[in-house]
């Protein structure tokens, strides 16, 4: 397969495929006499793994570790599961952080009269101000 066929099958752009190759995340494809890359089923699986791992939040370095496990015939599913559960915990932590941010912003918006006055509780809070109304710097 050529790079455009692989791009269609994996849902990755040609640029992303070349990037993953450059980073050493994919087994280098063979090259024809014309210099074009020729991809095999192995690279297709690797690229699909990378795309899907990135979609669920794995970093490039974590993808590198997953790729090593993918190629390790003696891997244990317990190790893959442990890494996945660790990623779930990280995502849950991010969700809590985002919920706290949302709650703070909603409270700030609720406290703001949203009228024509210069006094803005949102700006005052974000700037750490506790000065009187109309303070603009």
C-alpha atoms as a PDB file:
ATOM      1  CA  UNK A   1       0.000   0.000   0.000  1.00  0.00           C
ATOM      2  CA  UNK A   2       1.147   3.531  -0.602  1.00  0.00           C
ATOM      3  CA  UNK A   3       0.872   6.334   1.947  1.00  0.00           C
ATOM      4  CA  UNK A   4      -2.428   7.687   0.610  1.00  0.00           C
ATOM      5  CA  UNK A   5      -4.054   4.242   0.839  1.00  0.00           C
ATOM      6  CA  UNK A   6      -2.769   3.834   4.397  1.00  0.00           C
ATOM      7  CA  UNK A   7      -4.030   7.304   5.264  1.00  0.00           C
ATOM      8  CA  UNK A   8      -7.524   6.369   4.067  1.00  0.00           C
ATOM      9  CA  UNK A   9      -7.528   3.051   5.934  1.00  0.00           C
ATOM     10  CA  UNK A  10      -6.183   4.443   9.211  1.00  0.00           C
ATOM     11  CA  UNK A  11      -7.930   7.804   9.250  1.00  0.00           C
ATOM     12  CA  UNK A  12      -4.570   9.553   9.617  1.00  0.00           C
ATOM     13  CA  UNK A  13      -3.182  12.221   7.345  1.00  0.00           C
ATOM     14  CA  UNK A  14      -0.067  11.517   5.298  1.00  0.00           C
ATOM     15  CA  UNK A  15       1.646  14.182   7.390  1.00  0.00           C
ATOM     16  CA  UNK A  16       0.739  12.365  10.631  1.00  0.00           C
ATOM     17  CA  UNK A  17       1.999   9.072   9.215  1.00  0.00           C
ATOM     18  CA  UNK A  18       5.326  10.662   8.298  1.00  0.00           C
ATOM     19  CA  UNK A  19       5.492  12.283  11.753  1.00  0.00           C
ATOM     20  CA  UNK A  20       5.013   8.929  13.505  1.00  0.00           C
ATOM     21  CA  UNK A  21       7.679   7.411  11.265  1.00  0.00           C
ATOM     22  CA  UNK A  22      10.070  10.276  12.041  1.00  0.00           C
ATOM     23  CA  UNK A  23       9.504   9.759  15.777  1.00  0.00           C
ATOM     24  CA  UNK A  24      10.298   6.058  15.432  1.00  0.00           C
ATOM     25  CA  UNK A  25       6.831   4.960  16.506  1.00  0.00           C
ATOM     26  CA  UNK A  26       6.213   2.910  13.364  1.00  0.00           C
ATOM     27  CA  UNK A  27       8.282   0.173  11.787  1.00  0.00           C
ATOM     28  CA  UNK A  28       9.967   1.864   8.801  1.00  0.00           C
ATOM     29  CA  UNK A  29       8.177   0.905   5.590  1.00  0.00           C
ATOM     30  CA  UNK A  30      10.062  -0.574   2.686  1.00  0.00           C
ATOM     31  CA  UNK A  31      10.843   1.783  -0.160  1.00  0.00           C
ATOM     32  CA  UNK A  32      10.544   0.970  -3.813  1.00  0.00           C
ATOM     33  CA  UNK A  33      13.122   1.843  -6.435  1.00  0.00           C
ATOM     34  CA  UNK A  34      11.229   5.084  -6.962  1.00  0.00           C
ATOM     35  CA  UNK A  35      11.711   5.980  -3.266  1.00  0.00           C
ATOM     36  CA  UNK A  36       8.020   5.665  -2.438  1.00  0.00           C
ATOM     37  CA  UNK A  37       7.031   4.038   0.807  1.00  0.00           C
ATOM     38  CA  UNK A  38       5.347   0.638   0.645  1.00  0.00           C
ATOM     39  CA  UNK A  39       3.333  -0.232   3.740  1.00  0.00           C
ATOM     40  CA  UNK A  40       2.468  -3.715   4.946  1.00  0.00           C
ATOM     41  CA  UNK A  41      -0.227  -4.943   7.323  1.00  0.00           C
ATOM     42  CA  UNK A  42       2.147  -4.463  10.267  1.00  0.00           C
ATOM     43  CA  UNK A  43       2.452  -0.720   9.697  1.00  0.00           C
ATOM     44  CA  UNK A  44      -1.300  -0.479   9.169  1.00  0.00           C
ATOM     45  CA  UNK A  45      -1.885  -2.087  12.585  1.00  0.00           C
ATOM     46  CA  UNK A  46       0.746   0.115  14.220  1.00  0.00           C
ATOM     47  CA  UNK A  47      -0.735   3.284  12.768  1.00  0.00           C
ATOM     48  CA  UNK A  48      -4.260   2.251  13.748  1.00  0.00           C
ATOM     49  CA  UNK A  49      -3.055   1.566  17.287  1.00  0.00           C
ATOM     50  CA  UNK A  50      -1.398   4.995  17.394  1.00  0.00           C
ATOM     51  CA  UNK A  51      -4.485   6.812  16.113  1.00  0.00           C
ATOM     52  CA  UNK A  52      -6.802   5.106  18.542  1.00  0.00           C
ATOM     53  CA  UNK A  53      -4.407   5.428  21.492  1.00  0.00           C
ATOM     54  CA  UNK A  54      -4.047   9.159  20.803  1.00  0.00           C
ATOM     55  CA  UNK A  55      -7.840   9.509  20.544  1.00  0.00           C
ATOM     56  CA  UNK A  56      -8.283   8.154  24.076  1.00  0.00           C
ATOM     57  CA  UNK A  57      -5.610  10.424  25.508  1.00  0.00           C
ATOM     58  CA  UNK A  58      -2.322   8.547  25.465  1.00  0.00           C
ATOM     59  CA  UNK A  59       0.733  10.779  24.993  1.00  0.00           C
ATOM     60  CA  UNK A  60       3.348  10.081  22.339  1.00  0.00           C
ATOM     61  CA  UNK A  61       5.658   8.588  24.959  1.00  0.00           C
ATOM     62  CA  UNK A  62       2.844   6.391  26.275  1.00  0.00           C
ATOM     63  CA  UNK A  63       2.137   5.366  22.674  1.00  0.00           C
ATOM     64  CA  UNK A  64       5.787   4.387  22.347  1.00  0.00           C
ATOM     65  CA  UNK A  65       5.361   2.138  25.417  1.00  0.00           C
ATOM     66  CA  UNK A  66       2.140   0.667  24.030  1.00  0.00           C
ATOM     67  CA  UNK A  67       3.876   0.009  20.724  1.00  0.00           C
ATOM     68  CA  UNK A  68       6.650  -1.856  22.548  1.00  0.00           C
ATOM     69  CA  UNK A  69       3.985  -3.949  24.263  1.00  0.00           C
ATOM     70  CA  UNK A  70       2.238  -4.501  20.917  1.00  0.00           C
ATOM     71  CA  UNK A  71       5.448  -6.004  19.538  1.00  0.00           C
ATOM     72  CA  UNK A  72       6.307  -7.966  22.709  1.00  0.00           C
ATOM     73  CA  UNK A  73       5.150 -11.556  22.218  1.00  0.00           C
ATOM     74  CA  UNK A  74       5.712 -12.166  25.925  1.00  0.00           C
ATOM     75  CA  UNK A  75       3.666  -9.207  27.157  1.00  0.00           C
ATOM     76  CA  UNK A  76       1.142  -9.676  29.903  1.00  0.00           C
ATOM     77  CA  UNK A  77      -2.307  -8.196  29.547  1.00  0.00           C
ATOM     78  CA  UNK A  78      -2.043  -7.161  33.212  1.00  0.00           C
ATOM     79  CA  UNK A  79       0.600  -4.593  32.256  1.00  0.00           C
ATOM     80  CA  UNK A  80      -1.539  -3.167  29.468  1.00  0.00           C
ATOM     81  CA  UNK A  81      -4.531  -3.048  31.809  1.00  0.00           C
ATOM     82  CA  UNK A  82      -2.482  -1.271  34.492  1.00  0.00           C
ATOM     83  CA  UNK A  83      -1.393   1.408  32.011  1.00  0.00           C
ATOM     84  CA  UNK A  84      -4.967   1.818  30.822  1.00  0.00           C
ATOM     85  CA  UNK A  85      -6.310   2.185  34.363  1.00  0.00           C
ATOM     86  CA  UNK A  86      -3.583   4.732  35.084  1.00  0.00           C
ATOM     87  CA  UNK A  87      -4.769   6.731  32.057  1.00  0.00           C
ATOM     88  CA  UNK A  88      -8.376   6.472  33.293  1.00  0.00           C
ATOM     89  CA  UNK A  89      -7.277   7.916  36.658  1.00  0.00           C
ATOM     90  CA  UNK A  90      -5.489  10.797  34.901  1.00  0.00           C
ATOM     91  CA  UNK A  91      -8.572  11.552  32.821  1.00  0.00           C
ATOM     92  CA  UNK A  92     -10.800  11.477  35.912  1.00  0.00           C
ATOM     93  CA  UNK A  93      -8.443  13.957  37.585  1.00  0.00           C
ATOM     94  CA  UNK A  94      -8.657  16.237  34.542  1.00  0.00           C
ATOM     95  CA  UNK A  95     -12.447  15.985  34.611  1.00  0.00           C
ATOM     96  CA  UNK A  96     -12.489  17.050  38.282  1.00  0.00           C
ATOM     97  CA  UNK A  97     -10.213  19.992  37.452  1.00  0.00           C
ATOM     98  CA  UNK A  98     -12.445  21.015  34.540  1.00  0.00           C
ATOM     99  CA  UNK A  99     -15.572  20.749  36.709  1.00  0.00           C
ATOM    100  CA  UNK A 100     -13.959  22.994  39.338  1.00  0.00           C
ATOM    101  CA  UNK A 101     -13.040  25.505  36.624  1.00  0.00           C
ATOM    102  CA  UNK A 102     -16.575  25.424  35.240  1.00  0.00           C
ATOM    103  CA  UNK A 103     -18.065  25.899  38.719  1.00  0.00           C
ATOM    104  CA  UNK A 104     -15.789  28.871  39.437  1.00  0.00           C
ATOM    105  CA  UNK A 105     -16.588  30.519  36.115  1.00  0.00           C
ATOM    106  CA  UNK A 106     -20.319  29.967  36.615  1.00  0.00           C
ATOM    107  CA  UNK A 107     -20.098  31.544  40.092  1.00  0.00           C
ATOM    108  CA  UNK A 108     -18.171  34.514  38.678  1.00  0.00           C
ATOM    109  CA  UNK A 109     -20.747  34.994  35.922  1.00  0.00           C
ATOM    110  CA  UNK A 110     -23.550  34.786  38.494  1.00  0.00           C
ATOM    111  CA  UNK A 111     -21.889  37.500  40.622  1.00  0.00           C
ATOM    112  CA  UNK A 112     -21.497  39.880  37.682  1.00  0.00           C
ATOM    113  CA  UNK A 113     -24.357  42.294  37.032  1.00  0.00           C
ATOM    114  CA  UNK A 114     -23.523  42.311  33.320  1.00  0.00           C
ATOM    115  CA  UNK A 115     -24.645  45.894  32.923  1.00  0.00           C
ATOM    116  CA  UNK A 116     -23.026  49.135  31.724  1.00  0.00           C
ATOM    117  CA  UNK A 117     -21.151  49.780  34.976  1.00  0.00           C
ATOM    118  CA  UNK A 118     -17.352  49.679  35.074  1.00  0.00           C
ATOM    119  CA  UNK A 119     -17.355  47.498  38.171  1.00  0.00           C
ATOM    120  CA  UNK A 120     -16.806  43.915  37.114  1.00  0.00           C
ATOM    121  CA  UNK A 121     -16.604  41.219  39.793  1.00  0.00           C
ATOM    122  CA  UNK A 122     -15.173  38.786  37.235  1.00  0.00           C
ATOM    123  CA  UNK A 123     -12.191  41.014  36.395  1.00  0.00           C
ATOM    124  CA  UNK A 124     -11.729  41.935  40.051  1.00  0.00           C
ATOM    125  CA  UNK A 125     -11.673  38.288  41.109  1.00  0.00           C
ATOM    126  CA  UNK A 126      -9.391  37.125  38.313  1.00  0.00           C
ATOM    127  CA  UNK A 127      -7.000  40.022  38.977  1.00  0.00           C
ATOM    128  CA  UNK A 128      -7.060  39.312  42.710  1.00  0.00           C
ATOM    129  CA  UNK A 129      -8.558  42.754  43.296  1.00  0.00           C
ATOM    130  CA  UNK A 130     -10.624  43.741  46.238  1.00  0.00           C
ATOM    131  CA  UNK A 131     -10.636  47.462  45.476  1.00  0.00           C
ATOM    132  CA  UNK A 132     -13.685  49.592  45.090  1.00  0.00           C
ATOM    133  CA  UNK A 133     -15.984  49.851  42.125  1.00  0.00           C
ATOM    134  CA  UNK A 134     -14.671  51.295  38.924  1.00  0.00           C
ATOM    135  CA  UNK A 135     -11.018  50.293  39.424  1.00  0.00           C
ATOM    136  CA  UNK A 136      -9.436  49.900  36.015  1.00  0.00           C
ATOM    137  CA  UNK A 137      -5.794  49.584  36.796  1.00  0.00           C
END
